[in-house]
């Protein structure tokens, strides 16, 4: 499914640029999607500069670029978005033999290529740059290490809160005759927010799509039992004045990736006359094709809408992650671990291994990873399973925490973030009590990477830390969180509320940056105020935050400011944001 399109509001500013979305993802279980409510344009990070911009603006800035992202990040959807902008087709290099890649194109001014994966494909891109020096050439790859002198590497970014809300509202469209609060969409968002695991899943476009397919309102489920988070105490009272949100309409949702795919596949097959037979059939196809066997039209007929026939005639699964998941389910039916072990350290089988871990006991995989001193792989497998082995978990967390603290190892921090383990949160939180501000600064930085509710509870009191540097880092760490808990504290810091320590220009800048990273519509009114009345440094950060959020309801007030404000620099600032929202 193409998650990325424009709304009616944007079309009012740029009617000639409106885009009709196309569905390219897994088969929907629910059919009530309304694209006119969707307001999402992918954001990309330019690796050479570290700048983040929206795809429509990046398209104007780069003549040659490669979109980089893991499976499920929306690379194909992003190319489809570009295709609709420039009226050029997308060609998949998976359709061609590496010795017979296309030399001519329907539109030689714009060349769009998906599924760039082989060394020959990258050499091919370089040759196209030479052959078509004036063409705009864009491609997409899963290769995180992609680099080129002729192509800019643009890493697709995960969804922020405003984008997740927009997508939810597209699935639960409001009745145009009764424009009140969209309660159905709000209940869905509350359900996503109720568990840190679900929050982490929802930032990936494909996983958000699957969450929506398996979601049922709370009225049809048992009540959610929320995790109890122990608040750090100061003087006998909770150390933070910021209340935990009360959820009354939260439904239970999958919290792990394998659980999510399992729920989706089971829901898709449940109406078959023999659901278990159907599952075994499609799992067998997935495992055999993963091992290299070519699928045929016969497989397509038994694929239960999970497979498709490509233009080249090849029959393949509609998404590689679906194939990997079903292959893992097939392997799980065999009590012998050896068929999985033989592919355990093959990069092409890594997602199969993690799905395998998520479908049962991960102990064999974790032990094998630890024997290779691959703590990141061990952490991924432990994070995937519902009941990780306590001893192996402790060993992995301690090893990663040591590397994170002593070596400032970003990979170790990322692995701890996947685990979302309170043991790690407690370890780094203890460093917040150190008299040395540099130690507290490092601890606040790492706690922001852990994505646990307990880490937030440790960070919030540090908004009153005596060190300016620590307070600024705490704000940045809160902005990196997926939890709605951080919105009010960040707005407090932006407004200069006494619930945080000294609130100066630096704090306001940090808060504006963090709100932009979190990407919530709730920040837009405060940012618009800063755009009008703050000094130049805060105004610039407010502009950048508004550009990242792109809240559709900001268009009207920004238009009014751009047309009527008495200060020329304020009018120019509002116009800059509006132009960004129009892809200019």
Protein backbone atom coordinates (compact mmCIF):
# COMPACT_ATOMS: atom_id res chain seq x y z
CA UNK A 1 0.00 0.00 0.00
CA UNK A 2 1.23 3.47 -0.79
CA UNK A 3 1.02 5.30 2.53
CA UNK A 4 2.10 8.57 1.06
CA UNK A 5 -0.18 11.10 -0.61
CA UNK A 6 -1.61 14.59 -0.27
CA UNK A 7 -4.84 15.78 1.31
CA UNK A 8 -7.54 18.05 0.00
CA UNK A 9 -5.96 20.83 2.06
CA UNK A 10 -2.70 20.54 0.18
CA UNK A 11 -4.53 20.29 -3.09
CA UNK A 12 -6.09 23.70 -2.35
CA UNK A 13 -2.59 25.15 -2.51
CA UNK A 14 -1.31 23.05 -5.36
CA UNK A 15 -4.17 21.38 -7.20
CA UNK A 16 -1.98 20.38 -10.13
CA UNK A 17 0.22 18.34 -7.78
CA UNK A 18 -2.48 16.22 -6.15
CA UNK A 19 -1.68 12.53 -6.06
CA UNK A 20 -3.97 9.54 -6.14
CA UNK A 21 -2.61 6.81 -3.86
CA UNK A 22 -2.08 3.25 -5.00
CA UNK A 23 -2.13 0.10 -2.89
CA UNK A 24 1.02 -1.96 -3.13
CA UNK A 25 1.15 -3.83 0.17
CA UNK A 26 -0.21 -7.02 1.66
CA UNK A 27 -3.88 -7.86 1.10
CA UNK A 28 -6.10 -5.63 3.27
CA UNK A 29 -8.45 -7.29 5.73
CA UNK A 30 -10.41 -4.06 6.08
CA UNK A 31 -11.64 -2.04 3.15
CA UNK A 32 -12.60 1.34 4.59
CA UNK A 33 -9.44 3.26 3.71
CA UNK A 34 -10.13 6.86 2.62
CA UNK A 35 -7.09 8.43 0.95
CA UNK A 36 -8.54 11.94 1.05
CA UNK A 37 -7.92 11.98 4.80
CA UNK A 38 -4.27 10.95 4.45
CA UNK A 39 -1.59 13.60 4.84
CA UNK A 40 1.74 11.85 4.68
CA UNK A 41 4.78 12.61 2.56
CA UNK A 42 7.85 10.48 3.41
CA UNK A 43 10.71 12.14 5.25
CA UNK A 44 14.29 11.31 4.30
CA UNK A 45 17.66 11.97 5.91
CA UNK A 46 20.43 13.04 3.56
CA UNK A 47 23.41 11.12 4.87
CA UNK A 48 26.00 13.52 3.50
CA UNK A 49 24.61 16.49 5.44
CA UNK A 50 22.41 14.99 8.16
CA UNK A 51 19.50 17.15 6.98
CA UNK A 52 15.96 15.77 7.10
CA UNK A 53 13.48 16.86 4.48
CA UNK A 54 10.28 15.62 2.86
CA UNK A 55 10.45 13.54 -0.27
CA UNK A 56 8.75 16.09 -2.53
CA UNK A 57 11.38 18.70 -1.62
CA UNK A 58 14.22 16.16 -1.90
CA UNK A 59 13.01 15.32 -5.40
CA UNK A 60 13.65 18.92 -6.42
CA UNK A 61 17.03 19.08 -4.69
CA UNK A 62 18.60 15.86 -6.03
CA UNK A 63 18.81 14.70 -9.61
CA UNK A 64 20.30 11.35 -8.60
CA UNK A 65 19.43 9.65 -5.35
CA UNK A 66 19.00 6.24 -3.81
CA UNK A 67 16.36 5.68 -1.13
CA UNK A 68 17.75 3.47 1.64
CA UNK A 69 15.63 1.61 4.16
CA UNK A 70 15.01 -1.75 5.76
CA UNK A 71 12.18 -4.02 4.61
CA UNK A 72 8.84 -2.48 5.55
CA UNK A 73 10.05 1.13 5.56
CA UNK A 74 8.07 2.01 2.43
CA UNK A 75 10.69 2.20 -0.32
CA UNK A 76 8.36 0.91 -3.01
CA UNK A 77 5.59 3.21 -1.80
CA UNK A 78 7.99 6.16 -1.85
CA UNK A 79 8.94 5.40 -5.46
CA UNK A 80 5.25 5.13 -6.31
CA UNK A 81 4.76 8.58 -4.77
CA UNK A 82 7.57 9.95 -6.97
CA UNK A 83 6.14 8.18 -10.00
CA UNK A 84 2.83 9.98 -9.55
CA UNK A 85 4.68 13.30 -9.22
CA UNK A 86 6.82 12.99 -12.35
CA UNK A 87 4.63 10.72 -14.50
CA UNK A 88 7.30 8.07 -14.98
CA UNK A 89 6.96 4.32 -14.31
CA UNK A 90 8.90 2.41 -11.68
CA UNK A 91 10.94 -0.54 -12.96
CA UNK A 92 11.90 -3.34 -10.60
CA UNK A 93 15.39 -4.71 -11.22
CA UNK A 94 14.20 -7.97 -9.66
CA UNK A 95 12.35 -8.49 -12.95
CA UNK A 96 15.59 -8.63 -14.92
CA UNK A 97 18.62 -10.89 -15.09
CA UNK A 98 21.76 -9.05 -13.98
CA UNK A 99 23.21 -9.61 -17.46
CA UNK A 100 20.14 -8.15 -19.20
CA UNK A 101 19.25 -4.98 -17.31
CA UNK A 102 17.15 -2.41 -19.24
CA UNK A 103 18.96 0.02 -21.53
CA UNK A 104 15.95 2.02 -22.76
CA UNK A 105 13.17 3.61 -20.72
CA UNK A 106 9.62 4.92 -21.35
CA UNK A 107 10.73 8.30 -19.98
CA UNK A 108 14.45 8.93 -20.42
CA UNK A 109 14.20 12.20 -18.49
CA UNK A 110 13.16 10.40 -15.28
CA UNK A 111 14.31 6.86 -14.44
CA UNK A 112 12.89 5.16 -11.33
CA UNK A 113 14.32 1.79 -10.24
CA UNK A 114 13.23 -0.45 -7.38
CA UNK A 115 14.83 -3.55 -5.82
CA UNK A 116 18.45 -2.52 -6.26
CA UNK A 117 20.24 -5.32 -4.42
CA UNK A 118 23.08 -6.94 -6.40
CA UNK A 119 26.60 -5.57 -6.94
CA UNK A 120 25.76 -5.58 -10.65
CA UNK A 121 22.79 -3.31 -9.92
CA UNK A 122 25.01 -0.68 -8.30
CA UNK A 123 27.45 -0.80 -11.22
CA UNK A 124 24.44 -0.44 -13.49
CA UNK A 125 23.33 2.71 -11.67
CA UNK A 126 26.75 4.27 -12.20
CA UNK A 127 26.61 3.40 -15.91
CA UNK A 128 23.16 5.00 -16.23
CA UNK A 129 24.50 8.19 -14.68
CA UNK A 130 27.09 8.28 -17.46
CA UNK A 131 24.69 7.31 -20.24
CA UNK A 132 21.90 9.74 -19.23
CA UNK A 133 23.76 12.72 -17.74
CA UNK A 134 20.70 14.99 -17.81
CA UNK A 135 18.17 12.49 -16.48
CA UNK A 136 16.74 12.40 -12.98
CA UNK A 137 17.61 8.93 -11.69
CA UNK A 138 16.16 7.64 -8.42
CA UNK A 139 16.39 4.12 -7.04
CA UNK A 140 15.66 2.17 -3.83
CA UNK A 141 17.73 -0.38 -1.94
CA UNK A 142 17.80 -2.27 1.37
CA UNK A 143 21.59 -1.98 1.46
CA UNK A 144 22.23 0.18 4.53
CA UNK A 145 25.89 0.59 3.47
CA UNK A 146 25.11 2.15 0.10
CA UNK A 147 27.47 4.92 -0.94
CA UNK A 148 28.26 6.55 -4.26
CA UNK A 149 29.96 9.65 -5.62
CA UNK A 150 27.19 10.19 -8.15
CA UNK A 151 24.09 9.36 -6.07
CA UNK A 152 22.89 10.91 -2.82
CA UNK A 153 21.95 8.37 -0.15
CA UNK A 154 18.57 9.31 1.38
CA UNK A 155 17.52 7.21 4.37
CA UNK A 156 13.76 6.86 4.81
CA UNK A 157 12.65 7.95 8.28
CA UNK A 158 10.21 6.22 10.60
CA UNK A 159 6.74 7.67 11.06
CA UNK A 160 6.25 10.43 13.60
CA UNK A 161 3.13 10.91 15.71
CA UNK A 162 1.36 13.23 13.27
CA UNK A 163 1.87 10.76 10.44
CA UNK A 164 0.57 7.85 12.52
CA UNK A 165 -2.50 9.87 13.52
CA UNK A 166 -3.10 10.88 9.89
CA UNK A 167 -2.96 7.27 8.77
CA UNK A 168 -5.36 6.23 11.53
CA UNK A 169 -7.80 8.95 10.47
CA UNK A 170 -7.62 7.64 6.91
CA UNK A 171 -8.82 4.23 8.18
CA UNK A 172 -11.45 5.76 10.43
CA UNK A 173 -12.61 8.72 8.32
CA UNK A 174 -14.80 11.31 9.96
CA UNK A 175 -18.32 11.88 8.71
CA UNK A 176 -18.11 15.12 6.74
CA UNK A 177 -21.60 16.12 7.91
CA UNK A 178 -20.66 15.77 11.58
CA UNK A 179 -17.19 17.23 12.08
CA UNK A 180 -16.59 16.34 15.70
CA UNK A 181 -13.74 14.54 17.42
CA UNK A 182 -12.72 11.42 15.51
CA UNK A 183 -13.31 9.08 18.43
CA UNK A 184 -12.55 5.89 16.51
CA UNK A 185 -9.13 7.16 15.42
CA UNK A 186 -8.40 8.42 18.93
CA UNK A 187 -9.24 5.02 20.42
CA UNK A 188 -6.87 3.37 17.97
CA UNK A 189 -4.05 5.78 18.86
CA UNK A 190 -4.70 5.19 22.57
CA UNK A 191 -4.38 1.46 21.92
CA UNK A 192 -1.06 1.96 20.12
CA UNK A 193 0.23 4.16 22.95
CA UNK A 194 -0.78 1.68 25.66
CA UNK A 195 2.30 -0.52 25.17
CA UNK A 196 5.88 0.40 24.32
CA UNK A 197 6.18 -2.62 22.01
CA UNK A 198 3.21 -1.57 19.91
CA UNK A 199 4.50 2.01 19.81
CA UNK A 200 7.79 0.74 18.37
CA UNK A 201 6.01 -1.34 15.73
CA UNK A 202 3.76 1.52 14.64
CA UNK A 203 6.60 3.77 13.48
CA UNK A 204 7.35 1.40 10.56
CA UNK A 205 4.86 1.93 7.70
CA UNK A 206 4.27 -1.75 6.89
CA UNK A 207 3.79 -2.69 10.54
CA UNK A 208 1.36 0.19 11.11
CA UNK A 209 -0.65 -1.07 8.16
CA UNK A 210 -0.77 -4.58 9.66
CA UNK A 211 -1.70 -3.24 13.11
CA UNK A 212 -4.69 -1.53 11.55
CA UNK A 213 -5.71 -4.75 9.80
CA UNK A 214 -5.84 -6.77 13.04
CA UNK A 215 -7.16 -3.99 15.30
CA UNK A 216 -10.53 -4.43 16.97
CA UNK A 217 -11.98 -1.70 19.25
CA UNK A 218 -11.72 -2.19 23.01
CA UNK A 219 -15.46 -2.81 23.22
CA UNK A 220 -14.84 -6.15 21.48
CA UNK A 221 -11.88 -7.14 23.68
CA UNK A 222 -10.94 -7.76 27.28
CA UNK A 223 -9.63 -4.65 29.07
CA UNK A 224 -5.95 -3.83 28.70
CA UNK A 225 -3.81 -4.38 31.80
CA UNK A 226 -1.15 -1.68 31.61
CA UNK A 227 2.41 -2.15 32.76
CA UNK A 228 3.03 -0.62 36.18
CA UNK A 229 6.00 1.72 36.13
CA UNK A 230 7.73 2.38 39.43
CA UNK A 231 8.17 6.13 39.85
CA UNK A 232 11.43 7.36 41.36
CA UNK A 233 10.61 9.14 44.64
CA UNK A 234 11.95 12.42 45.96
CA UNK A 235 11.04 13.44 49.53
CA UNK A 236 8.29 10.82 49.64
CA UNK A 237 6.54 12.20 46.55
CA UNK A 238 6.68 11.26 42.89
CA UNK A 239 9.61 13.15 41.39
CA UNK A 240 7.72 14.44 38.35
CA UNK A 241 4.60 16.61 38.23
CA UNK A 242 3.62 15.24 34.81
CA UNK A 243 0.73 12.81 35.12
CA UNK A 244 0.50 9.43 33.39
CA UNK A 245 -2.30 9.53 30.78
CA UNK A 246 -5.42 7.56 31.71
CA UNK A 247 -6.61 5.22 28.95
CA UNK A 248 -10.22 4.13 28.90
CA UNK A 249 -10.61 2.91 25.33
CA UNK A 250 -7.34 1.03 24.77
CA UNK A 251 -7.55 -2.32 23.00
CA UNK A 252 -4.97 -5.09 23.12
CA UNK A 253 -2.64 -5.04 20.12
CA UNK A 254 0.40 -7.10 19.13
CA UNK A 255 3.58 -5.93 20.83
CA UNK A 256 6.09 -8.01 18.86
CA UNK A 257 6.66 -8.34 15.12
CA UNK A 258 6.15 -12.12 14.89
CA UNK A 259 2.96 -11.79 16.94
CA UNK A 260 1.73 -9.10 14.53
CA UNK A 261 2.41 -11.15 11.39
CA UNK A 262 0.91 -14.23 13.02
CA UNK A 263 -2.29 -12.35 13.86
CA UNK A 264 -2.51 -11.01 10.31
CA UNK A 265 -1.93 -14.35 8.55
CA UNK A 266 -4.36 -16.17 10.87
CA UNK A 267 -7.02 -13.53 10.29
CA UNK A 268 -6.50 -13.74 6.53
CA UNK A 269 -6.82 -17.55 6.45
CA UNK A 270 -9.49 -18.08 9.12
CA UNK A 271 -12.36 -18.15 6.62
CA UNK A 272 -10.79 -20.86 4.46
CA UNK A 273 -12.58 -24.20 4.61
CA UNK A 274 -9.46 -25.78 6.16
CA UNK A 275 -7.39 -22.98 7.69
CA UNK A 276 -4.59 -25.28 8.90
CA UNK A 277 -4.21 -26.90 5.48
CA UNK A 278 -4.12 -23.45 3.86
CA UNK A 279 -1.46 -22.32 6.33
CA UNK A 280 0.71 -25.39 5.74
CA UNK A 281 0.43 -24.96 1.98
CA UNK A 282 1.51 -21.32 1.91
CA UNK A 283 4.22 -21.94 4.53
CA UNK A 284 5.65 -24.72 2.35
CA UNK A 285 5.74 -22.41 -0.65
CA UNK A 286 7.49 -19.74 1.41
CA UNK A 287 10.17 -22.12 2.69
CA UNK A 288 10.84 -23.76 -0.66
CA UNK A 289 11.14 -20.42 -2.48
CA UNK A 290 13.38 -19.06 0.29
CA UNK A 291 15.63 -22.04 -0.37
CA UNK A 292 15.82 -21.10 -4.04
CA UNK A 293 13.00 -22.97 -5.78
CA UNK A 294 11.10 -20.88 -8.33
CA UNK A 295 7.38 -20.46 -7.69
CA UNK A 296 4.98 -21.25 -10.52
CA UNK A 297 1.42 -20.46 -11.54
CA UNK A 298 0.40 -23.54 -9.59
CA UNK A 299 1.83 -21.94 -6.45
CA UNK A 300 0.00 -18.73 -7.29
CA UNK A 301 -3.30 -20.60 -7.29
CA UNK A 302 -2.52 -21.98 -3.82
CA UNK A 303 -1.10 -18.73 -2.47
CA UNK A 304 -4.31 -17.37 -0.89
CA UNK A 305 -3.63 -13.87 -2.29
CA UNK A 306 -0.20 -13.69 -0.64
CA UNK A 307 1.61 -14.17 -3.96
CA UNK A 308 1.52 -12.22 -7.19
CA UNK A 309 2.68 -12.65 -10.76
CA UNK A 310 5.20 -10.04 -11.84
CA UNK A 311 5.36 -8.50 -15.30
CA UNK A 312 8.26 -10.81 -16.12
CA UNK A 313 6.07 -13.81 -15.35
CA UNK A 314 7.80 -14.62 -12.06
CA UNK A 315 5.55 -15.59 -9.16
CA UNK A 316 6.65 -14.10 -5.84
CA UNK A 317 5.32 -13.16 -2.43
CA UNK A 318 3.85 -9.69 -2.27
CA UNK A 319 6.38 -8.71 0.38
CA UNK A 320 9.69 -10.30 1.33
CA UNK A 321 8.88 -10.10 5.05
CA UNK A 322 5.71 -12.12 4.54
CA UNK A 323 7.76 -14.82 2.81
CA UNK A 324 10.31 -14.76 5.65
CA UNK A 325 7.61 -15.03 8.30
CA UNK A 326 5.84 -17.94 6.61
CA UNK A 327 9.16 -19.71 6.07
CA UNK A 328 9.83 -19.34 9.81
CA UNK A 329 6.41 -20.83 10.60
CA UNK A 330 7.23 -23.78 8.35
CA UNK A 331 10.54 -24.33 10.17
CA UNK A 332 8.78 -24.10 13.55
CA UNK A 333 6.64 -27.10 12.65
CA UNK A 334 9.82 -29.18 12.75
CA UNK A 335 11.03 -29.82 16.34
CA UNK A 336 14.60 -30.14 15.05
CA UNK A 337 16.57 -26.85 15.18
CA UNK A 338 19.14 -27.94 12.59
CA UNK A 339 17.24 -26.71 9.47
CA UNK A 340 17.22 -23.25 11.06
CA UNK A 341 20.78 -23.50 12.35
CA UNK A 342 22.23 -24.04 8.88
CA UNK A 343 21.04 -20.57 7.81
CA UNK A 344 21.46 -18.82 11.14
CA UNK A 345 24.29 -16.49 10.17
CA UNK A 346 23.24 -15.98 6.56
CA UNK A 347 22.28 -12.31 6.23
CA UNK A 348 19.54 -13.19 3.73
CA UNK A 349 17.95 -15.42 6.38
CA UNK A 350 18.26 -13.00 9.29
CA UNK A 351 14.57 -12.02 9.29
CA UNK A 352 13.57 -15.69 9.06
CA UNK A 353 15.69 -16.37 12.15
CA UNK A 354 14.14 -13.47 14.08
CA UNK A 355 10.61 -14.52 13.13
CA UNK A 356 11.56 -18.06 14.20
CA UNK A 357 12.68 -16.68 17.57
CA UNK A 358 9.45 -14.73 17.88
CA UNK A 359 7.31 -17.82 17.29
CA UNK A 360 8.65 -19.74 20.28
CA UNK A 361 11.72 -20.23 22.44
CA UNK A 362 14.67 -18.14 21.24
CA UNK A 363 17.24 -19.90 23.42
CA UNK A 364 19.00 -21.86 20.64
CA UNK A 365 19.39 -18.76 18.48
CA UNK A 366 20.58 -16.57 21.38
CA UNK A 367 23.14 -19.11 22.55
CA UNK A 368 24.49 -19.48 19.02
CA UNK A 369 24.72 -15.68 18.69
CA UNK A 370 26.50 -15.31 22.03
CA UNK A 371 28.99 -18.02 21.04
CA UNK A 372 29.86 -15.78 18.09
CA UNK A 373 29.97 -12.74 20.43
CA UNK A 374 27.20 -11.20 18.34
CA UNK A 375 25.38 -9.31 21.08
CA UNK A 376 23.23 -7.34 18.64
CA UNK A 377 21.85 -10.52 17.06
CA UNK A 378 21.29 -12.02 20.50
CA UNK A 379 19.41 -8.89 21.57
CA UNK A 380 17.25 -8.96 18.43
CA UNK A 381 16.29 -12.59 19.07
CA UNK A 382 15.55 -11.92 22.76
CA UNK A 383 13.45 -8.90 21.84
CA UNK A 384 11.50 -11.00 19.34
CA UNK A 385 10.38 -13.68 21.78
CA UNK A 386 7.57 -13.43 24.31
CA UNK A 387 9.46 -15.12 27.15
CA UNK A 388 13.23 -14.54 26.89
CA UNK A 389 15.49 -16.76 28.97
CA UNK A 390 16.32 -14.72 32.07
CA UNK A 391 19.97 -15.81 32.29
CA UNK A 392 20.68 -15.15 28.61
CA UNK A 393 18.82 -11.84 28.81
CA UNK A 394 20.90 -10.69 31.77
CA UNK A 395 24.13 -11.73 30.04
CA UNK A 396 23.18 -9.86 26.88
CA UNK A 397 21.99 -6.71 28.65
CA UNK A 398 25.13 -6.50 30.81
CA UNK A 399 27.40 -6.94 27.79
CA UNK A 400 25.57 -4.30 25.76
CA UNK A 401 25.33 -1.88 28.69
CA UNK A 402 29.09 -2.12 29.23
CA UNK A 403 29.78 -1.41 25.56
CA UNK A 404 27.25 1.42 25.50
CA UNK A 405 28.73 3.11 28.57
CA UNK A 406 32.45 2.46 28.19
CA UNK A 407 32.74 2.66 24.40
CA UNK A 408 29.77 4.93 23.65
CA UNK A 409 28.75 2.21 21.18
CA UNK A 410 25.70 3.36 19.22
CA UNK A 411 24.99 -0.17 17.97
CA UNK A 412 24.89 -1.41 21.56
CA UNK A 413 22.47 1.40 22.47
CA UNK A 414 20.27 0.53 19.52
CA UNK A 415 20.23 -3.13 20.60
CA UNK A 416 19.27 -2.15 24.15
CA UNK A 417 16.49 -0.05 22.67
CA UNK A 418 15.11 -3.13 20.94
CA UNK A 419 15.14 -5.03 24.22
CA UNK A 420 13.31 -2.24 26.12
CA UNK A 421 14.67 -3.78 29.32
CA UNK A 422 14.18 -2.15 32.72
CA UNK A 423 17.46 -3.59 33.97
CA UNK A 424 19.29 -1.37 31.48
CA UNK A 425 17.10 1.61 32.39
CA UNK A 426 17.97 1.18 36.08
CA UNK A 427 21.69 0.84 35.34
CA UNK A 428 21.95 4.10 33.42
CA UNK A 429 19.50 5.93 35.69
CA UNK A 430 21.87 5.36 38.60
CA UNK A 431 24.39 7.49 36.70
CA UNK A 432 21.97 10.44 36.84
CA UNK A 433 22.81 10.78 40.54
CA UNK A 434 26.50 11.37 39.84
CA UNK A 435 27.96 14.74 40.90
CA UNK A 436 29.79 15.00 37.58
CA UNK A 437 27.58 16.72 34.99
CA UNK A 438 29.39 14.92 32.14
CA UNK A 439 28.36 11.56 33.62
CA UNK A 440 24.74 12.70 33.96
CA UNK A 441 24.83 14.01 30.39
CA UNK A 442 25.97 10.63 29.00
CA UNK A 443 23.36 8.80 31.07
CA UNK A 444 20.56 11.07 29.82
CA UNK A 445 21.69 10.50 26.23
CA UNK A 446 21.66 6.71 26.55
CA UNK A 447 18.35 6.62 28.45
CA UNK A 448 16.77 8.35 25.48
CA UNK A 449 17.81 5.39 23.32
CA UNK A 450 16.16 2.73 25.50
CA UNK A 451 12.50 3.41 24.64
CA UNK A 452 11.15 2.18 27.97
CA UNK A 453 8.49 3.83 30.07
CA UNK A 454 10.75 3.52 33.09
CA UNK A 455 13.52 5.45 31.31
CA UNK A 456 11.04 8.30 30.84
CA UNK A 457 10.25 8.34 34.53
CA UNK A 458 13.93 8.68 35.29
CA UNK A 459 14.43 11.42 32.69
CA UNK A 460 11.51 13.69 33.56
CA UNK A 461 12.85 14.83 36.97
CA UNK A 462 16.14 15.77 35.29
CA UNK A 463 14.36 18.65 33.58
CA UNK A 464 15.36 20.44 36.80
CA UNK A 465 19.00 19.34 36.62
CA UNK A 466 21.36 22.19 37.59
CA UNK A 467 23.38 21.71 34.39
CA UNK A 468 22.21 23.48 31.21
CA UNK A 469 23.85 20.75 29.13
CA UNK A 470 22.06 17.97 30.98
CA UNK A 471 18.67 19.68 30.74
CA UNK A 472 19.11 20.21 27.01
CA UNK A 473 20.04 16.54 26.54
CA UNK A 474 17.05 15.41 28.62
CA UNK A 475 14.78 17.40 26.34
CA UNK A 476 16.40 15.85 23.26
CA UNK A 477 16.03 12.37 24.78
CA UNK A 478 12.36 12.99 25.49
CA UNK A 479 11.87 14.03 21.88
CA UNK A 480 13.33 10.69 20.74
CA UNK A 481 10.69 8.83 22.77
CA UNK A 482 7.62 7.28 21.15
CA UNK A 483 5.46 7.95 24.21
CA UNK A 484 2.82 10.66 24.45
CA UNK A 485 4.04 11.18 28.03
CA UNK A 486 6.69 13.55 26.68
CA UNK A 487 4.42 16.03 24.88
CA UNK A 488 3.36 18.09 27.88
CA UNK A 489 6.88 18.32 29.39
CA UNK A 490 8.27 19.46 26.04
CA UNK A 491 5.55 22.07 25.65
CA UNK A 492 6.25 23.21 29.22
CA UNK A 493 9.93 23.67 28.34
CA UNK A 494 9.01 25.54 25.14
CA UNK A 495 6.69 27.92 27.04
CA UNK A 496 9.13 28.53 29.88
CA UNK A 497 6.96 27.01 32.61
CA UNK A 498 8.53 26.92 36.11
CA UNK A 499 7.98 23.15 36.33
CA UNK A 500 11.38 22.91 34.64
CA UNK A 501 14.47 24.75 35.81
CA UNK A 502 15.69 27.94 34.18
CA UNK A 503 14.01 28.25 30.80
CA UNK A 504 16.17 30.31 28.48
CA UNK A 505 16.70 30.51 24.76
CA UNK A 506 18.74 27.32 24.76
CA UNK A 507 15.97 25.36 26.47
CA UNK A 508 13.36 26.70 24.09
CA UNK A 509 15.51 25.78 21.10
CA UNK A 510 16.01 22.26 22.47
CA UNK A 511 12.27 21.91 23.11
CA UNK A 512 11.37 23.10 19.59
CA UNK A 513 13.85 20.61 18.12
CA UNK A 514 12.47 17.78 20.25
CA UNK A 515 8.85 18.56 19.36
CA UNK A 516 9.81 18.54 15.71
CA UNK A 517 11.39 15.11 16.14
CA UNK A 518 8.36 13.75 17.96
CA UNK A 519 6.13 15.30 15.31
CA UNK A 520 2.87 16.06 17.08
CA UNK A 521 0.08 18.35 15.92
CA UNK A 522 -0.33 19.37 19.56
CA UNK A 523 2.89 21.38 19.28
CA UNK A 524 1.80 23.40 16.25
CA UNK A 525 -0.01 26.28 18.07
CA UNK A 526 2.94 26.88 20.42
CA UNK A 527 5.42 26.73 17.53
CA UNK A 528 3.36 29.22 15.53
CA UNK A 529 3.48 31.59 18.52
CA UNK A 530 7.27 31.26 18.65
CA UNK A 531 7.45 31.88 14.93
CA UNK A 532 5.76 35.24 15.56
CA UNK A 533 7.23 36.52 18.84
CA UNK A 534 10.48 34.72 19.68
CA UNK A 535 14.02 35.80 18.85
CA UNK A 536 15.74 34.70 15.66
CA UNK A 537 17.31 31.49 17.02
CA UNK A 538 14.07 30.18 18.52
CA UNK A 539 12.10 31.25 15.44
CA UNK A 540 14.45 29.27 13.18
CA UNK A 541 13.94 26.12 15.26
CA UNK A 542 10.18 26.69 15.30
CA UNK A 543 10.26 26.86 11.50
CA UNK A 544 12.27 23.64 11.26
CA UNK A 545 9.89 21.89 13.66
CA UNK A 546 6.82 23.03 11.71
CA UNK A 547 8.45 21.82 8.49
CA UNK A 548 9.02 18.38 10.04
CA UNK A 549 5.48 18.12 11.41
CA UNK A 550 3.60 19.47 8.37
CA UNK A 551 0.32 19.55 10.28
CA UNK A 552 -2.48 20.18 7.79
CA UNK A 553 -4.48 22.39 10.16
CA UNK A 554 -1.47 24.77 10.37
CA UNK A 555 -2.06 25.90 6.80
CA UNK A 556 -4.82 28.39 7.58
CA UNK A 557 -3.09 30.29 10.42
CA UNK A 558 0.24 30.27 8.57
CA UNK A 559 -1.45 31.65 5.45
CA UNK A 560 -2.97 34.44 7.49
CA UNK A 561 0.39 35.26 9.10
CA UNK A 562 2.15 35.23 5.72
CA UNK A 563 -0.40 37.68 4.33
CA UNK A 564 -1.12 40.06 7.23
CA UNK A 565 1.61 40.08 9.89
CA UNK A 566 3.15 43.52 10.32
CA UNK A 567 6.72 42.16 10.56
CA UNK A 568 8.34 41.26 7.27
CA UNK A 569 10.59 38.57 8.77
CA UNK A 570 7.55 36.88 10.37
CA UNK A 571 5.67 36.90 7.06
CA UNK A 572 8.75 35.41 5.38
CA UNK A 573 9.01 32.69 8.03
CA UNK A 574 5.37 31.67 7.61
CA UNK A 575 5.74 31.66 3.83
CA UNK A 576 8.80 29.40 4.08
CA UNK A 577 6.83 26.78 6.03
CA UNK A 578 3.93 26.97 3.59
CA UNK A 579 6.25 26.52 0.64
CA UNK A 580 7.79 23.47 2.33
CA UNK A 581 4.32 22.00 2.82
CA UNK A 582 3.62 22.49 -0.87
CA UNK A 583 6.87 20.83 -1.89
CA UNK A 584 8.37 24.03 -3.27
